[in-house]
Amino acid sequence: MQPLQYISDYTGKHTAVVIPISEWENIVRKYADLKLLEQESSNEKAVSGQYTMGDFAGILAPERADALLKHVEQSRSEWDRDF
């Protein structure tokens, strides 16, 4: 078993625990209801629209990202030139 990591606030009070993913997977296998909680949490985000940047990490193909970046850079140069 790998060690747990504790996250504390400025007063030293523990506010969260980080566990290794392998331990989490063991816990989820043992307690199937936890998997349902993960799914409910994802569904709540979809309904409420409260996403973070991390929720979208890796969903844009690199080719598409490069094309969008090229378009932004081109637009920026056109803006500077015409201004």
C-alpha atoms as a PDB file:
ATOM      1  CA  MET A   1       0.000   0.000   0.000  1.00  0.00           C
ATOM      2  CA  GLN A   2       1.303   3.411  -0.976  1.00  0.00           C
ATOM      3  CA  PRO A   3       1.120   6.254   1.530  1.00  0.00           C
ATOM      4  CA  LEU A   4      -1.829   8.619   1.678  1.00  0.00           C
ATOM      5  CA  GLN A   5      -1.283  12.334   1.178  1.00  0.00           C
ATOM      6  CA  TYR A   6      -3.156  14.868   3.245  1.00  0.00           C
ATOM      7  CA  ILE A   7      -4.063  18.358   2.081  1.00  0.00           C
ATOM      8  CA  SER A   8      -4.351  20.943   4.844  1.00  0.00           C
ATOM      9  CA  ASP A   9      -5.673  24.473   5.046  1.00  0.00           C
ATOM     10  CA  TYR A  10      -3.647  27.397   6.394  1.00  0.00           C
ATOM     11  CA  THR A  11      -4.460  26.417   9.976  1.00  0.00           C
ATOM     12  CA  GLY A  12      -3.146  22.883   9.508  1.00  0.00           C
ATOM     13  CA  LYS A  13      -6.595  21.268   9.495  1.00  0.00           C
ATOM     14  CA  HIS A  14      -6.800  18.373   7.031  1.00  0.00           C
ATOM     15  CA  THR A  15      -9.266  19.216   4.270  1.00  0.00           C
ATOM     16  CA  ALA A  16      -8.690  16.374   1.803  1.00  0.00           C
ATOM     17  CA  VAL A  17      -6.920  13.077   1.298  1.00  0.00           C
ATOM     18  CA  VAL A  18      -5.154  11.968  -1.870  1.00  0.00           C
ATOM     19  CA  ILE A  19      -4.909   8.231  -2.343  1.00  0.00           C
ATOM     20  CA  PRO A  20      -3.048   6.342  -5.071  1.00  0.00           C
ATOM     21  CA  ILE A  21      -5.259   5.405  -8.026  1.00  0.00           C
ATOM     22  CA  SER A  22      -4.561   1.703  -7.476  1.00  0.00           C
ATOM     23  CA  GLU A  23      -5.978   1.996  -3.956  1.00  0.00           C
ATOM     24  CA  TRP A  24      -9.019   3.866  -5.272  1.00  0.00           C
ATOM     25  CA  GLU A  25      -9.649   1.137  -7.835  1.00  0.00           C
ATOM     26  CA  ASN A  26      -9.476  -1.496  -5.074  1.00  0.00           C
ATOM     27  CA  ILE A  27     -11.964   0.462  -2.977  1.00  0.00           C
ATOM     28  CA  VAL A  28     -14.345   0.909  -5.919  1.00  0.00           C
ATOM     29  CA  ARG A  29     -14.199  -2.814  -6.656  1.00  0.00           C
ATOM     30  CA  LYS A  30     -15.032  -3.539  -3.031  1.00  0.00           C
ATOM     31  CA  TYR A  31     -17.789  -0.930  -2.753  1.00  0.00           C
ATOM     32  CA  ALA A  32     -19.607  -0.777  -6.106  1.00  0.00           C
ATOM     33  CA  ASP A  33     -21.817   2.108  -4.911  1.00  0.00           C
ATOM     34  CA  LEU A  34     -18.812   4.434  -5.148  1.00  0.00           C
ATOM     35  CA  LYS A  35     -18.745   3.989  -8.917  1.00  0.00           C
ATOM     36  CA  LEU A  36     -22.369   5.167  -9.006  1.00  0.00           C
ATOM     37  CA  LEU A  37     -21.368   8.286  -7.063  1.00  0.00           C
ATOM     38  CA  GLU A  38     -18.700   9.067  -9.663  1.00  0.00           C
ATOM     39  CA  GLN A  39     -21.285   8.747 -12.431  1.00  0.00           C
ATOM     40  CA  GLU A  40     -23.798  10.920 -10.557  1.00  0.00           C
ATOM     41  CA  SER A  41     -21.140  13.586 -10.065  1.00  0.00           C
ATOM     42  CA  SER A  42     -20.408  13.588 -13.809  1.00  0.00           C
ATOM     43  CA  ASN A  43     -24.107  13.852 -14.619  1.00  0.00           C
ATOM     44  CA  GLU A  44     -24.529  16.774 -12.185  1.00  0.00           C
ATOM     45  CA  LYS A  45     -21.719  18.649 -13.922  1.00  0.00           C
ATOM     46  CA  ALA A  46     -23.387  18.124 -17.279  1.00  0.00           C
ATOM     47  CA  VAL A  47     -26.722  19.444 -16.004  1.00  0.00           C
ATOM     48  CA  SER A  48     -25.296  22.395 -14.067  1.00  0.00           C
ATOM     49  CA  GLY A  49     -22.634  23.325 -16.633  1.00  0.00           C
ATOM     50  CA  GLN A  50     -20.037  23.680 -13.864  1.00  0.00           C
ATOM     51  CA  TYR A  51     -16.949  22.364 -15.577  1.00  0.00           C
ATOM     52  CA  THR A  52     -13.280  22.994 -14.937  1.00  0.00           C
ATOM     53  CA  MET A  53     -10.486  23.133 -17.502  1.00  0.00           C
ATOM     54  CA  GLY A  54      -9.398  19.672 -16.387  1.00  0.00           C
ATOM     55  CA  ASP A  55     -12.738  18.226 -17.445  1.00  0.00           C
ATOM     56  CA  PHE A  56     -11.822  18.981 -21.059  1.00  0.00           C
ATOM     57  CA  ALA A  57      -8.172  17.915 -21.030  1.00  0.00           C
ATOM     58  CA  GLY A  58      -7.363  15.671 -23.954  1.00  0.00           C
ATOM     59  CA  ILE A  59     -10.698  15.868 -25.769  1.00  0.00           C
ATOM     60  CA  LEU A  60      -9.467  18.102 -28.597  1.00  0.00           C
ATOM     61  CA  ALA A  61      -7.441  16.338 -31.276  1.00  0.00           C
ATOM     62  CA  PRO A  62      -3.923  17.798 -31.613  1.00  0.00           C
ATOM     63  CA  GLU A  63      -4.503  18.530 -35.305  1.00  0.00           C
ATOM     64  CA  ARG A  64      -7.635  20.524 -34.510  1.00  0.00           C
ATOM     65  CA  ALA A  65      -5.861  22.377 -31.710  1.00  0.00           C
ATOM     66  CA  ASP A  66      -3.015  23.307 -34.066  1.00  0.00           C
ATOM     67  CA  ALA A  67      -5.487  24.541 -36.684  1.00  0.00           C
ATOM     68  CA  LEU A  68      -7.293  26.680 -34.102  1.00  0.00           C
ATOM     69  CA  LEU A  69      -4.020  28.104 -32.817  1.00  0.00           C
ATOM     70  CA  LYS A  70      -2.924  28.942 -36.374  1.00  0.00           C
ATOM     71  CA  HIS A  71      -6.248  30.715 -36.962  1.00  0.00           C
ATOM     72  CA  VAL A  72      -5.873  32.750 -33.764  1.00  0.00           C
ATOM     73  CA  GLU A  73      -2.316  33.743 -34.686  1.00  0.00           C
ATOM     74  CA  GLN A  74      -3.427  34.748 -38.186  1.00  0.00           C
ATOM     75  CA  SER A  75      -6.323  36.782 -36.788  1.00  0.00           C
ATOM     76  CA  ARG A  76      -3.974  38.500 -34.353  1.00  0.00           C
ATOM     77  CA  SER A  77      -1.538  39.472 -37.121  1.00  0.00           C
ATOM     78  CA  GLU A  78      -4.416  40.788 -39.252  1.00  0.00           C
ATOM     79  CA  TRP A  79      -5.642  42.841 -36.312  1.00  0.00           C
ATOM     80  CA  ASP A  80      -2.183  44.345 -35.728  1.00  0.00           C
ATOM     81  CA  ARG A  81      -1.710  45.053 -39.449  1.00  0.00           C
ATOM     82  CA  ASP A  82      -5.093  46.735 -39.967  1.00  0.00           C
ATOM     83  CA  PHE A  83      -4.991  48.765 -36.786  1.00  0.00           C
END
